[in-house]
mmCIF file of all heavy atoms, coordinates in Angstrom:
data_MODEL
# 
_entry.id   MODEL 
# 
loop_
_atom_site.group_PDB 
_atom_site.id 
_atom_site.type_symbol 
_atom_site.label_atom_id 
_atom_site.label_alt_id 
_atom_site.label_comp_id 
_atom_site.label_asym_id 
_atom_site.label_entity_id 
_atom_site.label_seq_id 
_atom_site.pdbx_PDB_ins_code 
_atom_site.Cartn_x 
_atom_site.Cartn_y 
_atom_site.Cartn_z 
_atom_site.occupancy 
_atom_site.B_iso_or_equiv 
_atom_site.pdbx_formal_charge 
_atom_site.auth_seq_id 
_atom_site.auth_comp_id 
_atom_site.auth_asym_id 
_atom_site.auth_atom_id 
_atom_site.pdbx_PDB_model_num 
ATOM 1   N N   . PHE A 1 1  ? -63.979 -25.634 198.043 1.00 0.00 ? 1  PHE A N   1 
ATOM 2   C CA  . PHE A 1 1  ? -63.033 -25.892 196.966 1.00 0.00 ? 1  PHE A CA  1 
ATOM 3   C C   . PHE A 1 1  ? -63.468 -25.269 195.652 1.00 0.00 ? 1  PHE A C   1 
ATOM 4   O O   . PHE A 1 1  ? -62.709 -24.790 194.844 1.00 0.00 ? 1  PHE A O   1 
ATOM 5   C CB  . PHE A 1 1  ? -62.899 -27.386 196.796 1.00 0.00 ? 1  PHE A CB  1 
ATOM 6   C CG  . PHE A 1 1  ? -61.751 -27.951 197.728 1.00 0.00 ? 1  PHE A CG  1 
ATOM 7   C CD1 . PHE A 1 1  ? -61.451 -27.358 198.926 1.00 0.00 ? 1  PHE A CD1 1 
ATOM 8   C CD2 . PHE A 1 1  ? -61.130 -29.148 197.393 1.00 0.00 ? 1  PHE A CD2 1 
ATOM 9   C CE1 . PHE A 1 1  ? -60.515 -27.870 199.764 1.00 0.00 ? 1  PHE A CE1 1 
ATOM 10  C CE2 . PHE A 1 1  ? -60.199 -29.698 198.229 1.00 0.00 ? 1  PHE A CE2 1 
ATOM 11  C CZ  . PHE A 1 1  ? -59.857 -29.095 199.385 1.00 0.00 ? 1  PHE A CZ  1 
ATOM 12  N N   . MET A 1 2  ? -64.841 -25.320 195.427 1.00 0.00 ? 2  MET A N   1 
ATOM 13  C CA  . MET A 1 2  ? -65.334 -24.752 194.166 1.00 0.00 ? 2  MET A CA  1 
ATOM 14  C C   . MET A 1 2  ? -65.165 -23.221 194.162 1.00 0.00 ? 2  MET A C   1 
ATOM 15  O O   . MET A 1 2  ? -64.797 -22.701 193.124 1.00 0.00 ? 2  MET A O   1 
ATOM 16  C CB  . MET A 1 2  ? -66.847 -25.125 194.027 1.00 0.00 ? 2  MET A CB  1 
ATOM 17  C CG  . MET A 1 2  ? -67.035 -26.630 193.664 1.00 0.00 ? 2  MET A CG  1 
ATOM 18  S SD  . MET A 1 2  ? -68.753 -27.155 193.839 1.00 0.00 ? 2  MET A SD  1 
ATOM 19  C CE  . MET A 1 2  ? -69.481 -26.269 192.475 1.00 0.00 ? 2  MET A CE  1 
ATOM 20  N N   . VAL A 1 3  ? -65.417 -22.578 195.261 1.00 0.00 ? 3  VAL A N   1 
ATOM 21  C CA  . VAL A 1 3  ? -65.165 -21.133 195.353 1.00 0.00 ? 3  VAL A CA  1 
ATOM 22  C C   . VAL A 1 3  ? -63.715 -20.814 195.122 1.00 0.00 ? 3  VAL A C   1 
ATOM 23  O O   . VAL A 1 3  ? -63.368 -19.936 194.347 1.00 0.00 ? 3  VAL A O   1 
ATOM 24  C CB  . VAL A 1 3  ? -65.683 -20.620 196.711 1.00 0.00 ? 3  VAL A CB  1 
ATOM 25  C CG1 . VAL A 1 3  ? -65.206 -19.166 196.922 1.00 0.00 ? 3  VAL A CG1 1 
ATOM 26  C CG2 . VAL A 1 3  ? -67.158 -20.687 196.835 1.00 0.00 ? 3  VAL A CG2 1 
ATOM 27  N N   . PHE A 1 4  ? -62.878 -21.629 195.724 1.00 0.00 ? 4  PHE A N   1 
ATOM 28  C CA  . PHE A 1 4  ? -61.463 -21.413 195.648 1.00 0.00 ? 4  PHE A CA  1 
ATOM 29  C C   . PHE A 1 4  ? -60.962 -21.629 194.167 1.00 0.00 ? 4  PHE A C   1 
ATOM 30  O O   . PHE A 1 4  ? -60.237 -20.787 193.590 1.00 0.00 ? 4  PHE A O   1 
ATOM 31  C CB  . PHE A 1 4  ? -60.690 -22.381 196.527 1.00 0.00 ? 4  PHE A CB  1 
ATOM 32  C CG  . PHE A 1 4  ? -59.205 -22.355 196.339 1.00 0.00 ? 4  PHE A CG  1 
ATOM 33  C CD1 . PHE A 1 4  ? -58.433 -21.394 196.932 1.00 0.00 ? 4  PHE A CD1 1 
ATOM 34  C CD2 . PHE A 1 4  ? -58.560 -23.293 195.545 1.00 0.00 ? 4  PHE A CD2 1 
ATOM 35  C CE1 . PHE A 1 4  ? -57.060 -21.321 196.730 1.00 0.00 ? 4  PHE A CE1 1 
ATOM 36  C CE2 . PHE A 1 4  ? -57.201 -23.286 195.355 1.00 0.00 ? 4  PHE A CE2 1 
ATOM 37  C CZ  . PHE A 1 4  ? -56.407 -22.305 195.976 1.00 0.00 ? 4  PHE A CZ  1 
ATOM 38  N N   . ILE A 1 5  ? -61.450 -22.687 193.578 1.00 0.00 ? 5  ILE A N   1 
ATOM 39  C CA  . ILE A 1 5  ? -60.995 -22.980 192.215 1.00 0.00 ? 5  ILE A CA  1 
ATOM 40  C C   . ILE A 1 5  ? -61.468 -21.929 191.191 1.00 0.00 ? 5  ILE A C   1 
ATOM 41  O O   . ILE A 1 5  ? -60.699 -21.487 190.346 1.00 0.00 ? 5  ILE A O   1 
ATOM 42  C CB  . ILE A 1 5  ? -61.494 -24.385 191.785 1.00 0.00 ? 5  ILE A CB  1 
ATOM 43  C CG1 . ILE A 1 5  ? -60.763 -25.458 192.560 1.00 0.00 ? 5  ILE A CG1 1 
ATOM 44  C CG2 . ILE A 1 5  ? -61.302 -24.612 190.274 1.00 0.00 ? 5  ILE A CG2 1 
ATOM 45  C CD1 . ILE A 1 5  ? -61.305 -26.854 192.331 1.00 0.00 ? 5  ILE A CD1 1 
ATOM 46  N N   . VAL A 1 6  ? -62.708 -21.493 191.312 1.00 0.00 ? 6  VAL A N   1 
ATOM 47  C CA  . VAL A 1 6  ? -63.277 -20.529 190.355 1.00 0.00 ? 6  VAL A CA  1 
ATOM 48  C C   . VAL A 1 6  ? -62.432 -19.236 190.409 1.00 0.00 ? 6  VAL A C   1 
ATOM 49  O O   . VAL A 1 6  ? -62.249 -18.569 189.332 1.00 0.00 ? 6  VAL A O   1 
ATOM 50  C CB  . VAL A 1 6  ? -64.768 -20.222 190.715 1.00 0.00 ? 6  VAL A CB  1 
ATOM 51  C CG1 . VAL A 1 6  ? -65.205 -18.987 190.008 1.00 0.00 ? 6  VAL A CG1 1 
ATOM 52  C CG2 . VAL A 1 6  ? -65.622 -21.413 190.280 1.00 0.00 ? 6  VAL A CG2 1 
ATOM 53  N N   . GLY A 1 7  ? -61.885 -18.869 191.581 1.00 0.00 ? 7  GLY A N   1 
ATOM 54  C CA  . GLY A 1 7  ? -61.078 -17.683 191.602 1.00 0.00 ? 7  GLY A CA  1 
ATOM 55  C C   . GLY A 1 7  ? -59.623 -17.947 191.319 1.00 0.00 ? 7  GLY A C   1 
ATOM 56  O O   . GLY A 1 7  ? -59.004 -17.305 190.455 1.00 0.00 ? 7  GLY A O   1 
ATOM 57  N N   . MET A 1 8  ? -59.030 -18.906 192.064 1.00 0.00 ? 8  MET A N   1 
ATOM 58  C CA  . MET A 1 8  ? -57.558 -19.047 191.987 1.00 0.00 ? 8  MET A CA  1 
ATOM 59  C C   . MET A 1 8  ? -57.087 -19.740 190.679 1.00 0.00 ? 8  MET A C   1 
ATOM 60  O O   . MET A 1 8  ? -56.025 -19.502 190.194 1.00 0.00 ? 8  MET A O   1 
ATOM 61  C CB  . MET A 1 8  ? -57.106 -19.876 193.172 1.00 0.00 ? 8  MET A CB  1 
ATOM 62  C CG  . MET A 1 8  ? -55.572 -19.975 193.333 1.00 0.00 ? 8  MET A CG  1 
ATOM 63  S SD  . MET A 1 8  ? -54.761 -18.319 193.596 1.00 0.00 ? 8  MET A SD  1 
ATOM 64  C CE  . MET A 1 8  ? -54.890 -18.241 195.359 1.00 0.00 ? 8  MET A CE  1 
ATOM 65  N N   . ALA A 1 9  ? -57.940 -20.568 190.090 1.00 0.00 ? 9  ALA A N   1 
ATOM 66  C CA  . ALA A 1 9  ? -57.501 -21.264 188.856 1.00 0.00 ? 9  ALA A CA  1 
ATOM 67  C C   . ALA A 1 9  ? -57.451 -20.314 187.676 1.00 0.00 ? 9  ALA A C   1 
ATOM 68  O O   . ALA A 1 9  ? -56.966 -20.720 186.627 1.00 0.00 ? 9  ALA A O   1 
ATOM 69  C CB  . ALA A 1 9  ? -58.421 -22.456 188.633 1.00 0.00 ? 9  ALA A CB  1 
ATOM 70  N N   . THR A 1 10 ? -58.009 -19.110 187.822 1.00 0.00 ? 10 THR A N   1 
ATOM 71  C CA  . THR A 1 10 ? -57.877 -18.121 186.692 1.00 0.00 ? 10 THR A CA  1 
ATOM 72  C C   . THR A 1 10 ? -56.376 -17.810 186.546 1.00 0.00 ? 10 THR A C   1 
ATOM 73  O O   . THR A 1 10 ? -55.973 -17.334 185.460 1.00 0.00 ? 10 THR A O   1 
ATOM 74  C CB  . THR A 1 10 ? -58.628 -16.859 187.027 1.00 0.00 ? 10 THR A CB  1 
ATOM 75  O OG1 . THR A 1 10 ? -58.130 -16.220 188.193 1.00 0.00 ? 10 THR A OG1 1 
ATOM 76  C CG2 . THR A 1 10 ? -60.100 -17.112 187.145 1.00 0.00 ? 10 THR A CG2 1 
ATOM 77  N N   . THR A 1 11 ? -55.545 -18.084 187.573 1.00 0.00 ? 11 THR A N   1 
ATOM 78  C CA  . THR A 1 11 ? -54.180 -17.788 187.413 1.00 0.00 ? 11 THR A CA  1 
ATOM 79  C C   . THR A 1 11 ? -53.423 -18.690 186.435 1.00 0.00 ? 11 THR A C   1 
ATOM 80  O O   . THR A 1 11 ? -52.310 -18.410 186.005 1.00 0.00 ? 11 THR A O   1 
ATOM 81  C CB  . THR A 1 11 ? -53.467 -17.875 188.814 1.00 0.00 ? 11 THR A CB  1 
ATOM 82  O OG1 . THR A 1 11 ? -53.527 -19.229 189.295 1.00 0.00 ? 11 THR A OG1 1 
ATOM 83  C CG2 . THR A 1 11 ? -54.148 -16.906 189.836 1.00 0.00 ? 11 THR A CG2 1 
ATOM 84  N N   . LEU A 1 12 ? -54.074 -19.793 186.120 1.00 0.00 ? 12 LEU A N   1 
ATOM 85  C CA  . LEU A 1 12 ? -53.481 -20.660 185.103 1.00 0.00 ? 12 LEU A CA  1 
ATOM 86  C C   . LEU A 1 12 ? -53.367 -19.899 183.726 1.00 0.00 ? 12 LEU A C   1 
ATOM 87  O O   . LEU A 1 12 ? -52.438 -20.116 182.939 1.00 0.00 ? 12 LEU A O   1 
ATOM 88  C CB  . LEU A 1 12 ? -54.295 -21.911 184.919 1.00 0.00 ? 12 LEU A CB  1 
ATOM 89  C CG  . LEU A 1 12 ? -54.338 -22.898 186.109 1.00 0.00 ? 12 LEU A CG  1 
ATOM 90  C CD1 . LEU A 1 12 ? -55.309 -24.025 185.889 1.00 0.00 ? 12 LEU A CD1 1 
ATOM 91  C CD2 . LEU A 1 12 ? -52.930 -23.472 186.360 1.00 0.00 ? 12 LEU A CD2 1 
ATOM 92  N N   . VAL A 1 13 ? -54.396 -19.059 183.540 1.00 0.00 ? 13 VAL A N   1 
ATOM 93  C CA  . VAL A 1 13 ? -54.411 -18.238 182.345 1.00 0.00 ? 13 VAL A CA  1 
ATOM 94  C C   . VAL A 1 13 ? -53.394 -17.085 182.505 1.00 0.00 ? 13 VAL A C   1 
ATOM 95  O O   . VAL A 1 13 ? -52.747 -16.640 181.553 1.00 0.00 ? 13 VAL A O   1 
ATOM 96  C CB  . VAL A 1 13 ? -55.781 -17.689 182.008 1.00 0.00 ? 13 VAL A CB  1 
ATOM 97  C CG1 . VAL A 1 13 ? -55.788 -16.808 180.812 1.00 0.00 ? 13 VAL A CG1 1 
ATOM 98  C CG2 . VAL A 1 13 ? -56.763 -18.847 181.882 1.00 0.00 ? 13 VAL A CG2 1 
ATOM 99  N N   . ALA A 1 14 ? -53.216 -16.619 183.759 1.00 0.00 ? 14 ALA A N   1 
ATOM 100 C CA  . ALA A 1 14 ? -52.409 -15.485 183.990 1.00 0.00 ? 14 ALA A CA  1 
ATOM 101 C C   . ALA A 1 14 ? -50.923 -15.744 184.002 1.00 0.00 ? 14 ALA A C   1 
ATOM 102 O O   . ALA A 1 14 ? -50.111 -14.842 183.686 1.00 0.00 ? 14 ALA A O   1 
ATOM 103 C CB  . ALA A 1 14 ? -52.770 -14.864 185.377 1.00 0.00 ? 14 ALA A CB  1 
ATOM 104 N N   . ASP A 1 15 ? -50.519 -16.989 184.292 1.00 0.00 ? 15 ASP A N   1 
ATOM 105 C CA  . ASP A 1 15 ? -49.082 -17.310 184.503 1.00 0.00 ? 15 ASP A CA  1 
ATOM 106 C C   . ASP A 1 15 ? -48.221 -16.960 183.222 1.00 0.00 ? 15 ASP A C   1 
ATOM 107 O O   . ASP A 1 15 ? -47.183 -16.356 183.449 1.00 0.00 ? 15 ASP A O   1 
ATOM 108 C CB  . ASP A 1 15 ? -48.889 -18.779 184.871 1.00 0.00 ? 15 ASP A CB  1 
ATOM 109 C CG  . ASP A 1 15 ? -49.310 -19.001 186.283 1.00 0.00 ? 15 ASP A CG  1 
ATOM 110 O OD1 . ASP A 1 15 ? -49.370 -18.070 187.072 1.00 0.00 ? 15 ASP A OD1 1 
ATOM 111 O OD2 . ASP A 1 15 ? -49.544 -20.211 186.684 1.00 0.00 ? 15 ASP A OD2 1 
ATOM 112 N N   . PRO A 1 16 ? -48.530 -17.341 182.031 1.00 0.00 ? 16 PRO A N   1 
ATOM 113 C CA  . PRO A 1 16 ? -47.694 -16.985 180.944 1.00 0.00 ? 16 PRO A CA  1 
ATOM 114 C C   . PRO A 1 16 ? -47.634 -15.446 180.739 1.00 0.00 ? 16 PRO A C   1 
ATOM 115 O O   . PRO A 1 16 ? -46.528 -14.964 180.308 1.00 0.00 ? 16 PRO A O   1 
ATOM 116 C CB  . PRO A 1 16 ? -48.308 -17.699 179.702 1.00 0.00 ? 16 PRO A CB  1 
ATOM 117 C CG  . PRO A 1 16 ? -49.664 -18.045 180.108 1.00 0.00 ? 16 PRO A CG  1 
ATOM 118 C CD  . PRO A 1 16 ? -49.666 -18.246 181.595 1.00 0.00 ? 16 PRO A CD  1 
ATOM 119 N N   . VAL A 1 17 ? -48.686 -14.780 181.008 1.00 0.00 ? 17 VAL A N   1 
ATOM 120 C CA  . VAL A 1 17 ? -48.735 -13.338 180.836 1.00 0.00 ? 17 VAL A CA  1 
ATOM 121 C C   . VAL A 1 17 ? -47.871 -12.682 181.870 1.00 0.00 ? 17 VAL A C   1 
ATOM 122 O O   . VAL A 1 17 ? -47.164 -11.738 181.611 1.00 0.00 ? 17 VAL A O   1 
ATOM 123 C CB  . VAL A 1 17 ? -50.130 -12.778 180.863 1.00 0.00 ? 17 VAL A CB  1 
ATOM 124 C CG1 . VAL A 1 17 ? -50.194 -11.269 180.613 1.00 0.00 ? 17 VAL A CG1 1 
ATOM 125 C CG2 . VAL A 1 17 ? -51.043 -13.552 179.880 1.00 0.00 ? 17 VAL A CG2 1 
ATOM 126 N N   . LEU A 1 18 ? -47.957 -13.239 183.101 1.00 0.00 ? 18 LEU A N   1 
ATOM 127 C CA  . LEU A 1 18 ? -47.108 -12.740 184.202 1.00 0.00 ? 18 LEU A CA  1 
ATOM 128 C C   . LEU A 1 18 ? -45.612 -12.927 183.882 1.00 0.00 ? 18 LEU A C   1 
ATOM 129 O O   . LEU A 1 18 ? -44.823 -12.008 184.131 1.00 0.00 ? 18 LEU A O   1 
ATOM 130 C CB  . LEU A 1 18 ? -47.468 -13.462 185.511 1.00 0.00 ? 18 LEU A CB  1 
ATOM 131 C CG  . LEU A 1 18 ? -46.733 -13.062 186.756 1.00 0.00 ? 18 LEU A CG  1 
ATOM 132 C CD1 . LEU A 1 18 ? -47.139 -11.615 187.144 1.00 0.00 ? 18 LEU A CD1 1 
ATOM 133 C CD2 . LEU A 1 18 ? -47.057 -13.970 187.934 1.00 0.00 ? 18 LEU A CD2 1 
ATOM 134 N N   . ALA A 1 19 ? -45.278 -14.069 183.323 1.00 0.00 ? 19 ALA A N   1 
ATOM 135 C CA  . ALA A 1 19 ? -43.867 -14.323 182.969 1.00 0.00 ? 19 ALA A CA  1 
ATOM 136 C C   . ALA A 1 19 ? -43.400 -13.287 181.926 1.00 0.00 ? 19 ALA A C   1 
ATOM 137 O O   . ALA A 1 19 ? -42.261 -12.760 181.967 1.00 0.00 ? 19 ALA A O   1 
ATOM 138 C CB  . ALA A 1 19 ? -43.703 -15.733 182.447 1.00 0.00 ? 19 ALA A CB  1 
ATOM 139 N N   . ASP A 1 20 ? -44.265 -12.968 180.984 1.00 0.00 ? 20 ASP A N   1 
ATOM 140 C CA  . ASP A 1 20 ? -43.922 -12.023 179.966 1.00 0.00 ? 20 ASP A CA  1 
ATOM 141 C C   . ASP A 1 20 ? -43.704 -10.605 180.560 1.00 0.00 ? 20 ASP A C   1 
ATOM 142 O O   . ASP A 1 20 ? -42.876 -9.809  180.098 1.00 0.00 ? 20 ASP A O   1 
ATOM 143 C CB  . ASP A 1 20 ? -44.997 -11.929 178.903 1.00 0.00 ? 20 ASP A CB  1 
ATOM 144 C CG  . ASP A 1 20 ? -44.929 -13.170 177.926 1.00 0.00 ? 20 ASP A CG  1 
ATOM 145 O OD1 . ASP A 1 20 ? -43.907 -13.826 177.898 1.00 0.00 ? 20 ASP A OD1 1 
ATOM 146 O OD2 . ASP A 1 20 ? -45.958 -13.443 177.283 1.00 0.00 ? 20 ASP A OD2 1 
ATOM 147 N N   . GLU A 1 21 ? -44.561 -10.273 181.588 1.00 0.00 ? 21 GLU A N   1 
ATOM 148 C CA  . GLU A 1 21 ? -44.386 -8.908  182.195 1.00 0.00 ? 21 GLU A CA  1 
ATOM 149 C C   . GLU A 1 21 ? -43.047 -8.789  182.823 1.00 0.00 ? 21 GLU A C   1 
ATOM 150 O O   . GLU A 1 21 ? -42.486 -7.676  182.885 1.00 0.00 ? 21 GLU A O   1 
ATOM 151 C CB  . GLU A 1 21 ? -45.495 -8.770  183.260 1.00 0.00 ? 21 GLU A CB  1 
ATOM 152 C CG  . GLU A 1 21 ? -46.841 -8.270  182.732 1.00 0.00 ? 21 GLU A CG  1 
ATOM 153 C CD  . GLU A 1 21 ? -47.721 -7.768  183.857 1.00 0.00 ? 21 GLU A CD  1 
ATOM 154 O OE1 . GLU A 1 21 ? -47.229 -7.717  185.018 1.00 0.00 ? 21 GLU A OE1 1 
ATOM 155 O OE2 . GLU A 1 21 ? -48.836 -7.333  183.543 1.00 0.00 ? 21 GLU A OE2 1 
ATOM 156 N N   . PHE A 1 22 ? -42.472 -9.866  183.302 1.00 0.00 ? 22 PHE A N   1 
ATOM 157 C CA  . PHE A 1 22 ? -41.148 -9.798  183.910 1.00 0.00 ? 22 PHE A CA  1 
ATOM 158 C C   . PHE A 1 22 ? -40.024 -10.078 182.884 1.00 0.00 ? 22 PHE A C   1 
ATOM 159 O O   . PHE A 1 22 ? -38.824 -10.129 183.266 1.00 0.00 ? 22 PHE A O   1 
ATOM 160 C CB  . PHE A 1 22 ? -41.005 -10.837 185.065 1.00 0.00 ? 22 PHE A CB  1 
ATOM 161 C CG  . PHE A 1 22 ? -41.722 -10.372 186.334 1.00 0.00 ? 22 PHE A CG  1 
ATOM 162 C CD1 . PHE A 1 22 ? -42.994 -10.835 186.654 1.00 0.00 ? 22 PHE A CD1 1 
ATOM 163 C CD2 . PHE A 1 22 ? -41.050 -9.501  187.161 1.00 0.00 ? 22 PHE A CD2 1 
ATOM 164 C CE1 . PHE A 1 22 ? -43.592 -10.443 187.818 1.00 0.00 ? 22 PHE A CE1 1 
ATOM 165 C CE2 . PHE A 1 22 ? -41.671 -9.084  188.405 1.00 0.00 ? 22 PHE A CE2 1 
ATOM 166 C CZ  . PHE A 1 22 ? -42.953 -9.572  188.679 1.00 0.00 ? 22 PHE A CZ  1 
ATOM 167 N N   . GLY A 1 23 ? -40.409 -10.234 181.676 1.00 0.00 ? 23 GLY A N   1 
ATOM 168 C CA  . GLY A 1 23 ? -39.397 -10.426 180.584 1.00 0.00 ? 23 GLY A CA  1 
ATOM 169 C C   . GLY A 1 23 ? -38.715 -11.795 180.624 1.00 0.00 ? 23 GLY A C   1 
ATOM 170 O O   . GLY A 1 23 ? -37.624 -11.976 180.082 1.00 0.00 ? 23 GLY A O   1 
ATOM 171 N N   . THR A 1 24 ? -39.394 -12.760 181.213 1.00 0.00 ? 24 THR A N   1 
ATOM 172 C CA  . THR A 1 24 ? -38.783 -14.120 181.334 1.00 0.00 ? 24 THR A CA  1 
ATOM 173 C C   . THR A 1 24 ? -39.364 -15.121 180.323 1.00 0.00 ? 24 THR A C   1 
ATOM 174 O O   . THR A 1 24 ? -38.780 -16.261 180.179 1.00 0.00 ? 24 THR A O   1 
ATOM 175 C CB  . THR A 1 24 ? -38.959 -14.691 182.748 1.00 0.00 ? 24 THR A CB  1 
ATOM 176 O OG1 . THR A 1 24 ? -40.365 -14.722 183.099 1.00 0.00 ? 24 THR A OG1 1 
ATOM 177 C CG2 . THR A 1 24 ? -38.255 -13.776 183.807 1.00 0.00 ? 24 THR A CG2 1 
ATOM 178 N N   . GLY A 1 25 ? -40.436 -14.782 179.633 1.00 0.00 ? 25 GLY A N   1 
ATOM 179 C CA  . GLY A 1 25 ? -40.893 -15.583 178.550 1.00 0.00 ? 25 GLY A CA  1 
ATOM 180 C C   . GLY A 1 25 ? -41.305 -17.028 179.019 1.00 0.00 ? 25 GLY A C   1 
ATOM 181 O O   . GLY A 1 25 ? -41.773 -17.248 180.118 1.00 0.00 ? 25 GLY A O   1 
ATOM 182 N N   . SER A 1 26 ? -41.101 -17.945 178.059 1.00 0.00 ? 26 SER A N   1 
ATOM 183 C CA  . SER A 1 26 ? -41.466 -19.310 178.320 1.00 0.00 ? 26 SER A CA  1 
ATOM 184 C C   . SER A 1 26 ? -40.689 -19.986 179.428 1.00 0.00 ? 26 SER A C   1 
ATOM 185 O O   . SER A 1 26 ? -41.179 -20.842 180.165 1.00 0.00 ? 26 SER A O   1 
ATOM 186 C CB  . SER A 1 26 ? -41.340 -20.130 177.024 1.00 0.00 ? 26 SER A CB  1 
ATOM 187 O OG  . SER A 1 26 ? -40.010 -20.085 176.485 1.00 0.00 ? 26 SER A OG  1 
ATOM 188 N N   . LEU A 1 27 ? -39.452 -19.523 179.546 1.00 0.00 ? 27 LEU A N   1 
ATOM 189 C CA  . LEU A 1 27 ? -38.572 -20.108 180.635 1.00 0.00 ? 27 LEU A CA  1 
ATOM 190 C C   . LEU A 1 27 ? -39.230 -19.702 182.004 1.00 0.00 ? 27 LEU A C   1 
ATOM 191 O O   . LEU A 1 27 ? -39.314 -20.513 182.937 1.00 0.00 ? 27 LEU A O   1 
ATOM 192 C CB  . LEU A 1 27 ? -37.178 -19.544 180.584 1.00 0.00 ? 27 LEU A CB  1 
ATOM 193 C CG  . LEU A 1 27 ? -36.238 -19.998 181.758 1.00 0.00 ? 27 LEU A CG  1 
ATOM 194 C CD1 . LEU A 1 27 ? -36.144 -21.519 181.824 1.00 0.00 ? 27 LEU A CD1 1 
ATOM 195 C CD2 . LEU A 1 27 ? -34.868 -19.378 181.602 1.00 0.00 ? 27 LEU A CD2 1 
ATOM 196 N N   . GLY A 1 28 ? -39.636 -18.451 182.116 1.00 0.00 ? 28 GLY A N   1 
ATOM 197 C CA  . GLY A 1 28 ? -40.264 -17.978 183.346 1.00 0.00 ? 28 GLY A CA  1 
ATOM 198 C C   . GLY A 1 28 ? -41.530 -18.746 183.666 1.00 0.00 ? 28 GLY A C   1 
ATOM 199 O O   . GLY A 1 28 ? -41.832 -19.107 184.785 1.00 0.00 ? 28 GLY A O   1 
# 
């Protein structure tokens, strides 16, 4: 779980940036 979290939980930071890449902003 620790290995998984250290890698996959970085996506919590990525999600708002990913939404902006698709032009969906805060709604996305």
